[in-house]
Amino acid sequence: MKILAISGSPRKSGRTGIAARFLAKEYGVEVIDLSEGNIPLYNGEAYQSDLDNVLALRAKAKEADAIILLTPEYHSGMSGSLKNALDYLSSEQFHSKPVGLLAVAGGGKGGINALNNMRIVGRGVYANIIPKQLVLDPHCFDYDNDSLNKESAELVNGLYKELVMYVKMREYLYENEEAL
């Protein structure tokens, strides 16, 4: 099973990156780290479709059985870098594909608007955004070990398990399509 995480933080050292690295370490998830700055600003010009980094992003998203979108919440929405990357993608990469959402907030009541923002964009590309979603606040992280604390790791595990369940259901449906 191939699961791709797109880490939408533009920051090189931030909590969103910690969460993405946790997914890679614990579950073998491949991570596209948008803080590397490899995805140019989307402008809709045709030449952008042929850029190597855009082709790689599209190929990895299309080949994945599921995707986890991670973002910090900026001004009640997902990061600009994640939205920019998603603008390069379409239903070709996402149609009925299970997608998990994880927001990283500054504390208090943040994060939910970023989740809703990602959910809306997910509908626009025909993704199957799974019901379980997650917000991680600053207290959720084990900064000394570049990881999550035990309770937060269990929450992420729940998100991951639900995502895998949806992948298996999708596979079953495609294998038994004639029975539908």
N, C-alpha and C. Protein backbone atom coordinates (compact mmCIF):
# COMPACT_ATOMS: atom_id res chain seq x y z
N MET A 1 0.86 -1.18 0.00
CA MET A 1 0.00 0.00 0.00
C MET A 1 0.90 1.23 0.00
N LYS A 2 0.59 2.14 -0.92
CA LYS A 2 1.41 3.33 -1.09
C LYS A 2 0.63 4.55 -0.59
N ILE A 3 1.12 5.14 0.50
CA ILE A 3 0.48 6.33 1.05
C ILE A 3 1.45 7.49 0.98
N LEU A 4 0.96 8.60 0.48
CA LEU A 4 1.75 9.81 0.30
C LEU A 4 1.28 10.87 1.27
N ALA A 5 2.21 11.52 1.94
CA ALA A 5 1.88 12.68 2.79
C ALA A 5 2.44 13.92 2.11
N ILE A 6 1.63 14.95 2.03
CA ILE A 6 2.09 16.24 1.51
C ILE A 6 2.14 17.19 2.69
N SER A 7 3.37 17.53 3.08
CA SER A 7 3.59 18.42 4.22
C SER A 7 3.55 19.85 3.72
N GLY A 8 2.47 20.55 4.06
CA GLY A 8 2.20 21.85 3.49
C GLY A 8 2.79 23.05 4.18
N SER A 9 3.72 22.85 5.08
CA SER A 9 4.32 24.01 5.74
C SER A 9 5.45 24.58 4.89
N PRO A 10 5.51 25.89 4.76
CA PRO A 10 6.64 26.50 4.06
C PRO A 10 7.89 26.60 4.96
N ARG A 11 7.72 26.29 6.24
CA ARG A 11 8.83 26.40 7.19
C ARG A 11 9.69 25.14 7.18
N LYS A 12 10.99 25.34 7.19
CA LYS A 12 11.93 24.21 7.23
C LYS A 12 11.86 23.48 8.57
N SER A 13 11.69 24.22 9.66
CA SER A 13 11.65 23.58 10.97
C SER A 13 10.37 24.00 11.68
N GLY A 14 9.36 23.20 11.51
CA GLY A 14 8.08 23.50 12.13
C GLY A 14 7.41 22.22 12.57
N ARG A 15 6.29 22.37 13.25
CA ARG A 15 5.58 21.21 13.78
C ARG A 15 4.94 20.36 12.69
N THR A 16 4.53 20.98 11.59
CA THR A 16 3.95 20.20 10.50
C THR A 16 4.98 19.22 9.95
N GLY A 17 6.21 19.65 9.84
CA GLY A 17 7.29 18.78 9.39
C GLY A 17 7.54 17.64 10.37
N ILE A 18 7.44 17.94 11.66
CA ILE A 18 7.61 16.89 12.68
C ILE A 18 6.53 15.82 12.49
N ALA A 19 5.29 16.25 12.30
CA ALA A 19 4.19 15.29 12.10
C ALA A 19 4.40 14.47 10.83
N ALA A 20 4.86 15.10 9.77
CA ALA A 20 5.11 14.37 8.51
C ALA A 20 6.24 13.36 8.69
N ARG A 21 7.31 13.75 9.38
CA ARG A 21 8.41 12.82 9.61
C ARG A 21 7.98 11.66 10.50
N PHE A 22 7.08 11.93 11.44
CA PHE A 22 6.52 10.86 12.27
C PHE A 22 5.79 9.84 11.39
N LEU A 23 4.98 10.31 10.46
CA LEU A 23 4.27 9.41 9.55
C LEU A 23 5.24 8.58 8.73
N ALA A 24 6.31 9.21 8.27
CA ALA A 24 7.31 8.49 7.47
C ALA A 24 8.00 7.42 8.30
N LYS A 25 8.37 7.79 9.52
CA LYS A 25 9.11 6.85 10.39
C LYS A 25 8.22 5.71 10.87
N GLU A 26 7.02 6.02 11.30
CA GLU A 26 6.14 5.01 11.89
C GLU A 26 5.44 4.12 10.86
N TYR A 27 5.10 4.68 9.70
CA TYR A 27 4.25 3.95 8.76
C TYR A 27 4.88 3.80 7.37
N GLY A 28 6.06 4.32 7.16
CA GLY A 28 6.70 4.21 5.85
C GLY A 28 6.05 5.06 4.78
N VAL A 29 5.33 6.09 5.20
CA VAL A 29 4.66 7.00 4.28
C VAL A 29 5.72 7.83 3.56
N GLU A 30 5.56 7.99 2.25
CA GLU A 30 6.44 8.89 1.50
C GLU A 30 5.98 10.32 1.75
N VAL A 31 6.92 11.23 1.93
CA VAL A 31 6.58 12.62 2.23
C VAL A 31 7.07 13.55 1.13
N ILE A 32 6.18 14.38 0.66
CA ILE A 32 6.57 15.52 -0.17
C ILE A 32 6.59 16.71 0.77
N ASP A 33 7.76 17.30 0.94
CA ASP A 33 7.96 18.41 1.87
C ASP A 33 7.97 19.71 1.08
N LEU A 34 6.89 20.46 1.18
CA LEU A 34 6.78 21.70 0.41
C LEU A 34 7.71 22.80 0.91
N SER A 35 8.31 22.63 2.10
CA SER A 35 9.26 23.63 2.58
C SER A 35 10.53 23.64 1.73
N GLU A 36 10.73 22.60 0.93
CA GLU A 36 11.90 22.57 0.04
C GLU A 36 11.78 23.58 -1.09
N GLY A 37 10.59 24.09 -1.32
CA GLY A 37 10.39 25.16 -2.30
C GLY A 37 10.53 24.71 -3.75
N ASN A 38 10.26 23.44 -4.03
CA ASN A 38 10.43 22.92 -5.38
C ASN A 38 9.23 23.14 -6.30
N ILE A 39 8.13 23.56 -5.73
CA ILE A 39 6.92 23.74 -6.53
C ILE A 39 6.74 25.24 -6.79
N PRO A 40 6.79 25.65 -8.07
CA PRO A 40 6.67 27.09 -8.36
C PRO A 40 5.26 27.60 -8.11
N LEU A 41 5.13 28.90 -8.01
CA LEU A 41 3.83 29.53 -7.83
C LEU A 41 2.96 29.23 -9.05
N TYR A 42 1.81 28.64 -8.79
CA TYR A 42 0.90 28.27 -9.88
C TYR A 42 0.37 29.53 -10.55
N ASN A 43 0.46 29.56 -11.91
CA ASN A 43 -0.09 30.69 -12.63
C ASN A 43 -1.01 30.29 -13.77
N GLY A 44 -1.20 28.98 -13.96
CA GLY A 44 -2.11 28.51 -14.99
C GLY A 44 -1.53 28.47 -16.38
N GLU A 45 -0.29 28.89 -16.53
CA GLU A 45 0.35 28.86 -17.86
C GLU A 45 0.66 27.41 -18.25
N ALA A 46 0.49 27.10 -19.52
CA ALA A 46 0.64 25.72 -20.01
C ALA A 46 2.04 25.15 -19.76
N TYR A 47 3.07 25.99 -19.84
CA TYR A 47 4.44 25.49 -19.68
C TYR A 47 4.67 24.84 -18.31
N GLN A 48 3.90 25.27 -17.30
CA GLN A 48 4.10 24.73 -15.96
C GLN A 48 3.80 23.23 -15.89
N SER A 49 2.93 22.76 -16.74
CA SER A 49 2.59 21.33 -16.74
C SER A 49 3.77 20.44 -17.08
N ASP A 50 4.77 20.98 -17.74
CA ASP A 50 5.93 20.19 -18.16
C ASP A 50 7.13 20.33 -17.25
N LEU A 51 7.01 21.10 -16.19
CA LEU A 51 8.13 21.25 -15.26
C LEU A 51 8.37 19.95 -14.50
N ASP A 52 9.62 19.57 -14.34
CA ASP A 52 9.97 18.29 -13.70
C ASP A 52 9.34 18.13 -12.32
N ASN A 53 9.40 19.18 -11.50
CA ASN A 53 8.85 19.07 -10.14
C ASN A 53 7.33 18.92 -10.14
N VAL A 54 6.69 19.55 -11.09
CA VAL A 54 5.23 19.42 -11.20
C VAL A 54 4.87 18.03 -11.70
N LEU A 55 5.60 17.53 -12.69
CA LEU A 55 5.36 16.17 -13.19
C LEU A 55 5.57 15.14 -12.08
N ALA A 56 6.61 15.34 -11.26
CA ALA A 56 6.88 14.41 -10.15
C ALA A 56 5.76 14.47 -9.12
N LEU A 57 5.30 15.67 -8.76
CA LEU A 57 4.20 15.83 -7.81
C LEU A 57 2.96 15.10 -8.32
N ARG A 58 2.61 15.33 -9.58
CA ARG A 58 1.42 14.70 -10.15
C ARG A 58 1.55 13.18 -10.18
N ALA A 59 2.73 12.70 -10.57
CA ALA A 59 2.94 11.25 -10.66
C ALA A 59 2.84 10.60 -9.29
N LYS A 60 3.48 11.19 -8.29
CA LYS A 60 3.43 10.61 -6.94
C LYS A 60 2.01 10.62 -6.38
N ALA A 61 1.29 11.70 -6.62
CA ALA A 61 -0.09 11.77 -6.13
C ALA A 61 -0.98 10.76 -6.85
N LYS A 62 -0.78 10.59 -8.14
CA LYS A 62 -1.60 9.65 -8.90
C LYS A 62 -1.31 8.21 -8.51
N GLU A 63 -0.05 7.88 -8.27
CA GLU A 63 0.35 6.51 -7.93
C GLU A 63 -0.04 6.11 -6.51
N ALA A 64 -0.25 7.08 -5.65
CA ALA A 64 -0.56 6.77 -4.25
C ALA A 64 -1.95 6.15 -4.13
N ASP A 65 -2.06 5.22 -3.19
CA ASP A 65 -3.36 4.63 -2.87
C ASP A 65 -4.17 5.55 -1.97
N ALA A 66 -3.48 6.41 -1.25
CA ALA A 66 -4.13 7.37 -0.34
C ALA A 66 -3.15 8.52 -0.12
N ILE A 67 -3.69 9.64 0.32
CA ILE A 67 -2.88 10.83 0.57
C ILE A 67 -3.27 11.41 1.93
N ILE A 68 -2.27 11.88 2.64
CA ILE A 68 -2.51 12.64 3.88
C ILE A 68 -2.03 14.06 3.62
N LEU A 69 -2.92 15.01 3.80
CA LEU A 69 -2.57 16.42 3.66
C LEU A 69 -2.32 16.99 5.04
N LEU A 70 -1.16 17.61 5.22
CA LEU A 70 -0.81 18.23 6.50
C LEU A 70 -0.56 19.71 6.27
N THR A 71 -1.07 20.53 7.17
CA THR A 71 -0.85 21.96 7.03
C THR A 71 -0.88 22.65 8.39
N PRO A 72 -0.11 23.72 8.52
CA PRO A 72 -0.34 24.62 9.65
C PRO A 72 -1.58 25.46 9.30
N GLU A 73 -2.22 26.01 10.30
CA GLU A 73 -3.33 26.92 10.03
C GLU A 73 -2.80 28.34 9.99
N TYR A 74 -2.97 28.98 8.86
CA TYR A 74 -2.57 30.38 8.67
C TYR A 74 -3.83 31.19 8.37
N HIS A 75 -4.15 32.15 9.20
CA HIS A 75 -5.29 33.04 8.99
C HIS A 75 -6.56 32.26 8.65
N SER A 76 -6.83 31.24 9.45
CA SER A 76 -8.05 30.44 9.35
C SER A 76 -8.14 29.61 8.07
N GLY A 77 -7.00 29.22 7.52
CA GLY A 77 -7.02 28.37 6.34
C GLY A 77 -5.75 27.55 6.24
N MET A 78 -5.68 26.73 5.19
CA MET A 78 -4.47 25.96 4.95
C MET A 78 -3.37 26.90 4.49
N SER A 79 -2.14 26.43 4.52
CA SER A 79 -1.02 27.25 4.09
C SER A 79 -1.11 27.53 2.60
N GLY A 80 -0.54 28.65 2.20
CA GLY A 80 -0.49 28.99 0.77
C GLY A 80 0.31 27.99 -0.02
N SER A 81 1.35 27.43 0.60
CA SER A 81 2.17 26.46 -0.13
C SER A 81 1.39 25.18 -0.42
N LEU A 82 0.54 24.74 0.51
CA LEU A 82 -0.27 23.55 0.25
C LEU A 82 -1.31 23.85 -0.81
N LYS A 83 -1.99 24.97 -0.69
CA LYS A 83 -3.00 25.33 -1.70
C LYS A 83 -2.35 25.44 -3.07
N ASN A 84 -1.16 26.03 -3.14
CA ASN A 84 -0.44 26.15 -4.40
C ASN A 84 -0.16 24.77 -5.00
N ALA A 85 0.32 23.85 -4.19
CA ALA A 85 0.60 22.49 -4.69
C ALA A 85 -0.69 21.82 -5.17
N LEU A 86 -1.76 21.98 -4.42
CA LEU A 86 -3.04 21.36 -4.80
C LEU A 86 -3.57 21.95 -6.11
N ASP A 87 -3.23 23.20 -6.40
CA ASP A 87 -3.67 23.81 -7.65
C ASP A 87 -3.07 23.11 -8.87
N TYR A 88 -1.97 22.43 -8.70
CA TYR A 88 -1.37 21.66 -9.79
C TYR A 88 -2.02 20.29 -9.97
N LEU A 89 -2.83 19.88 -9.02
CA LEU A 89 -3.43 18.55 -9.05
C LEU A 89 -4.91 18.66 -9.43
N SER A 90 -5.50 17.51 -9.74
CA SER A 90 -6.89 17.52 -10.18
C SER A 90 -7.54 16.18 -9.85
N SER A 91 -8.72 15.98 -10.41
CA SER A 91 -9.40 14.70 -10.21
C SER A 91 -8.60 13.55 -10.79
N GLU A 92 -7.71 13.82 -11.72
CA GLU A 92 -6.86 12.75 -12.26
C GLU A 92 -6.03 12.10 -11.15
N GLN A 93 -5.62 12.86 -10.18
CA GLN A 93 -4.84 12.33 -9.07
C GLN A 93 -5.72 11.93 -7.88
N PHE A 94 -6.88 12.53 -7.73
CA PHE A 94 -7.64 12.38 -6.50
C PHE A 94 -8.97 11.63 -6.61
N HIS A 95 -9.50 11.42 -7.81
CA HIS A 95 -10.87 10.90 -7.92
C HIS A 95 -11.09 9.65 -7.06
N SER A 96 -11.95 9.76 -6.08
CA SER A 96 -12.36 8.73 -5.12
C SER A 96 -11.22 8.20 -4.24
N LYS A 97 -10.07 8.83 -4.30
CA LYS A 97 -8.92 8.39 -3.50
C LYS A 97 -9.12 8.82 -2.05
N PRO A 98 -8.90 7.93 -1.09
CA PRO A 98 -9.00 8.32 0.32
C PRO A 98 -7.92 9.35 0.69
N VAL A 99 -8.38 10.38 1.38
CA VAL A 99 -7.48 11.46 1.80
C VAL A 99 -7.74 11.77 3.27
N GLY A 100 -6.66 11.75 4.06
CA GLY A 100 -6.73 12.12 5.47
C GLY A 100 -6.24 13.55 5.65
N LEU A 101 -6.79 14.23 6.64
CA LEU A 101 -6.45 15.63 6.89
C LEU A 101 -5.88 15.79 8.29
N LEU A 102 -4.78 16.54 8.37
CA LEU A 102 -4.14 16.83 9.65
C LEU A 102 -3.70 18.29 9.65
N ALA A 103 -4.19 19.04 10.62
CA ALA A 103 -3.81 20.44 10.77
C ALA A 103 -2.96 20.60 12.01
N VAL A 104 -2.03 21.51 11.94
CA VAL A 104 -1.18 21.84 13.08
C VAL A 104 -1.51 23.28 13.47
N ALA A 105 -1.92 23.47 14.71
CA ALA A 105 -2.38 24.77 15.16
C ALA A 105 -1.47 25.32 16.26
N GLY A 106 -1.66 26.58 16.53
CA GLY A 106 -0.85 27.24 17.54
C GLY A 106 -1.36 27.05 18.95
N GLY A 107 -2.49 26.38 19.11
CA GLY A 107 -3.05 26.17 20.43
C GLY A 107 -4.45 26.74 20.55
N GLY A 108 -5.13 26.35 21.57
CA GLY A 108 -6.49 26.84 21.77
C GLY A 108 -7.46 26.20 20.82
N LYS A 109 -8.17 27.01 20.06
CA LYS A 109 -9.22 26.48 19.20
C LYS A 109 -8.84 26.49 17.72
N GLY A 110 -7.59 26.63 17.39
CA GLY A 110 -7.16 26.68 16.00
C GLY A 110 -7.21 25.34 15.31
N GLY A 111 -7.06 25.36 14.01
CA GLY A 111 -6.93 24.16 13.21
C GLY A 111 -8.18 23.74 12.46
N ILE A 112 -9.35 23.95 13.04
CA ILE A 112 -10.57 23.45 12.42
C ILE A 112 -10.85 24.15 11.10
N ASN A 113 -10.53 25.42 11.00
CA ASN A 113 -10.77 26.13 9.74
C ASN A 113 -9.85 25.63 8.63
N ALA A 114 -8.62 25.30 8.98
CA ALA A 114 -7.70 24.73 7.98
C ALA A 114 -8.23 23.38 7.51
N LEU A 115 -8.75 22.57 8.44
CA LEU A 115 -9.34 21.28 8.05
C LEU A 115 -10.52 21.50 7.11
N ASN A 116 -11.39 22.43 7.45
CA ASN A 116 -12.54 22.71 6.59
C ASN A 116 -12.10 23.22 5.22
N ASN A 117 -11.07 24.05 5.20
CA ASN A 117 -10.53 24.58 3.95
C ASN A 117 -10.00 23.45 3.07
N MET A 118 -9.26 22.51 3.67
CA MET A 118 -8.75 21.37 2.90
C MET A 118 -9.89 20.48 2.43
N ARG A 119 -10.90 20.32 3.25
CA ARG A 119 -12.06 19.49 2.89
C ARG A 119 -12.78 20.08 1.67
N ILE A 120 -12.94 21.38 1.64
CA ILE A 120 -13.60 22.05 0.51
C ILE A 120 -12.79 21.85 -0.77
N VAL A 121 -11.49 22.06 -0.71
CA VAL A 121 -10.64 21.87 -1.89
C VAL A 121 -10.64 20.41 -2.30
N GLY A 122 -10.66 19.50 -1.33
CA GLY A 122 -10.73 18.08 -1.64
C GLY A 122 -11.97 17.73 -2.43
N ARG A 123 -13.09 18.31 -2.06
CA ARG A 123 -14.33 18.08 -2.83
C ARG A 123 -14.17 18.55 -4.27
N GLY A 124 -13.43 19.65 -4.44
CA GLY A 124 -13.24 20.21 -5.77
C GLY A 124 -12.45 19.31 -6.71
N VAL A 125 -11.65 18.41 -6.16
CA VAL A 125 -10.87 17.48 -6.99
C VAL A 125 -11.40 16.06 -6.87
N TYR A 126 -12.61 15.90 -6.32
CA TYR A 126 -13.30 14.62 -6.20
C TYR A 126 -12.58 13.61 -5.30
N ALA A 127 -11.86 14.12 -4.32
CA ALA A 127 -11.20 13.25 -3.35
C ALA A 127 -12.23 12.67 -2.39
N ASN A 128 -11.92 11.53 -1.82
CA ASN A 128 -12.74 10.93 -0.78
C ASN A 128 -12.12 11.30 0.57
N ILE A 129 -12.45 12.48 1.06
CA ILE A 129 -11.92 12.94 2.33
C ILE A 129 -12.56 12.10 3.44
N ILE A 130 -11.74 11.40 4.19
CA ILE A 130 -12.29 10.51 5.22
C ILE A 130 -12.85 11.32 6.39
N PRO A 131 -13.80 10.75 7.13
CA PRO A 131 -14.42 11.49 8.23
C PRO A 131 -13.45 11.89 9.35
N LYS A 132 -12.56 10.98 9.72
CA LYS A 132 -11.64 11.29 10.83
C LYS A 132 -10.64 12.34 10.35
N GLN A 133 -10.46 13.34 11.17
CA GLN A 133 -9.49 14.39 10.91
C GLN A 133 -8.83 14.75 12.23
N LEU A 134 -7.73 15.48 12.17
CA LEU A 134 -6.95 15.67 13.38
C LEU A 134 -6.32 17.06 13.42
N VAL A 135 -6.34 17.66 14.60
CA VAL A 135 -5.61 18.90 14.87
C VAL A 135 -4.58 18.60 15.95
N LEU A 136 -3.35 18.98 15.70
CA LEU A 136 -2.29 18.84 16.70
C LEU A 136 -1.88 20.23 17.17
N ASP A 137 -1.92 20.44 18.48
CA ASP A 137 -1.51 21.69 19.11
C ASP A 137 -0.06 21.57 19.59
N PRO A 138 0.54 22.66 20.02
CA PRO A 138 1.95 22.61 20.44
C PRO A 138 2.27 21.57 21.51
N HIS A 139 1.35 21.31 22.43
CA HIS A 139 1.61 20.35 23.50
C HIS A 139 1.65 18.90 23.00
N CYS A 140 1.30 18.66 21.75
CA CYS A 140 1.24 17.31 21.18
C CYS A 140 2.60 16.78 20.74
N PHE A 141 3.61 17.62 20.76
CA PHE A 141 4.90 17.28 20.17
C PHE A 141 5.97 16.98 21.21
N ASP A 142 6.83 16.06 20.84
CA ASP A 142 8.04 15.73 21.60
C ASP A 142 9.19 16.38 20.83
N TYR A 143 9.46 17.61 21.15
CA TYR A 143 10.43 18.41 20.39
C TYR A 143 11.85 17.84 20.51
N ASP A 144 12.20 17.32 21.66
CA ASP A 144 13.55 16.79 21.87
C ASP A 144 13.85 15.61 20.95
N ASN A 145 12.82 14.86 20.59
CA ASN A 145 13.01 13.67 19.76
C ASN A 145 12.43 13.82 18.36
N ASP A 146 12.07 15.05 17.97
CA ASP A 146 11.51 15.32 16.65
C ASP A 146 10.36 14.35 16.36
N SER A 147 9.42 14.28 17.31
CA SER A 147 8.34 13.30 17.21
C SER A 147 7.09 13.83 17.90
N LEU A 148 6.16 12.93 18.13
CA LEU A 148 4.92 13.25 18.83
C LEU A 148 4.94 12.62 20.20
N ASN A 149 4.19 13.21 21.15
CA ASN A 149 4.07 12.53 22.44
C ASN A 149 3.16 11.32 22.28
N LYS A 150 3.12 10.50 23.31
CA LYS A 150 2.41 9.21 23.22
C LYS A 150 0.93 9.37 22.87
N GLU A 151 0.25 10.28 23.53
CA GLU A 151 -1.18 10.47 23.29
C GLU A 151 -1.45 10.93 21.86
N SER A 152 -0.63 11.82 21.37
CA SER A 152 -0.80 12.32 20.01
C SER A 152 -0.46 11.26 18.98
N ALA A 153 0.56 10.45 19.27
CA ALA A 153 0.90 9.34 18.38
C ALA A 153 -0.28 8.40 18.24
N GLU A 154 -1.02 8.17 19.32
CA GLU A 154 -2.20 7.31 19.27
C GLU A 154 -3.30 7.93 18.41
N LEU A 155 -3.45 9.25 18.49
CA LEU A 155 -4.43 9.94 17.64
C LEU A 155 -4.07 9.81 16.17
N VAL A 156 -2.81 10.00 15.86
CA VAL A 156 -2.35 9.86 14.47
C VAL A 156 -2.53 8.42 14.01
N ASN A 157 -2.28 7.46 14.89
CA ASN A 157 -2.49 6.06 14.56
C ASN A 157 -3.95 5.81 14.19
N GLY A 158 -4.87 6.42 14.91
CA GLY A 158 -6.29 6.28 14.59
C GLY A 158 -6.62 6.84 13.22
N LEU A 159 -6.06 7.98 12.90
CA LEU A 159 -6.26 8.58 11.58
C LEU A 159 -5.69 7.67 10.50
N TYR A 160 -4.48 7.16 10.72
CA TYR A 160 -3.83 6.29 9.75
C TYR A 160 -4.64 5.01 9.54
N LYS A 161 -5.12 4.39 10.63
CA LYS A 161 -5.90 3.15 10.51
C LYS A 161 -7.19 3.38 9.73
N GLU A 162 -7.86 4.50 9.98
CA GLU A 162 -9.08 4.78 9.24
C GLU A 162 -8.78 4.99 7.76
N LEU A 163 -7.68 5.68 7.46
CA LEU A 163 -7.29 5.89 6.07
C LEU A 163 -7.04 4.55 5.38
N VAL A 164 -6.32 3.65 6.04
CA VAL A 164 -6.05 2.33 5.49
C VAL A 164 -7.35 1.56 5.26
N MET A 165 -8.29 1.68 6.18
CA MET A 165 -9.58 1.02 6.02
C MET A 165 -10.27 1.49 4.73
N TYR A 166 -10.25 2.78 4.48
CA TYR A 166 -10.86 3.31 3.26
C TYR A 166 -10.12 2.85 2.01
N VAL A 167 -8.80 2.72 2.08
CA VAL A 167 -8.04 2.19 0.95
C VAL A 167 -8.49 0.76 0.65
N LYS A 168 -8.62 -0.04 1.68
CA LYS A 168 -9.04 -1.44 1.50
C LYS A 168 -10.46 -1.53 0.96
N MET A 169 -11.35 -0.66 1.43
CA MET A 169 -12.72 -0.66 0.90
C MET A 169 -12.72 -0.28 -0.57
N ARG A 170 -11.93 0.70 -0.94
CA ARG A 170 -11.84 1.13 -2.34
C ARG A 170 -11.31 -0.01 -3.20
N GLU A 171 -10.27 -0.68 -2.73
CA GLU A 171 -9.71 -1.81 -3.48
C GLU A 171 -10.75 -2.91 -3.65
N TYR A 172 -11.47 -3.21 -2.60
CA TYR A 172 -12.51 -4.25 -2.67
C TYR A 172 -13.57 -3.88 -3.71
N LEU A 173 -13.99 -2.64 -3.69
CA LEU A 173 -15.02 -2.21 -4.63
C LEU A 173 -14.53 -2.29 -6.07
N TYR A 174 -13.29 -1.89 -6.31
CA TYR A 174 -12.76 -1.98 -7.67
C TYR A 174 -12.60 -3.44 -8.10
N GLU A 175 -12.21 -4.29 -7.19
CA GLU A 175 -12.05 -5.72 -7.52
C GLU A 175 -13.38 -6.39 -7.79
N ASN A 176 -14.44 -5.89 -7.19
CA ASN A 176 -15.77 -6.49 -7.31
C ASN A 176 -16.74 -5.55 -8.02
N GLU A 177 -16.23 -4.77 -8.93
CA GLU A 177 -17.02 -3.75 -9.61
C GLU A 177 -18.23 -4.33 -10.35
N GLU A 178 -18.06 -5.52 -10.93
CA GLU A 178 -19.17 -6.12 -11.68
C GLU A 178 -20.33 -6.50 -10.78
N ALA A 179 -20.08 -6.67 -9.50
CA ALA A 179 -21.14 -7.05 -8.56
C ALA A 179 -21.98 -5.83 -8.15
N LEU A 180 -21.52 -4.67 -8.45
CA LEU A 180 -22.25 -3.45 -8.03
C LEU A 180 -23.39 -3.11 -8.96
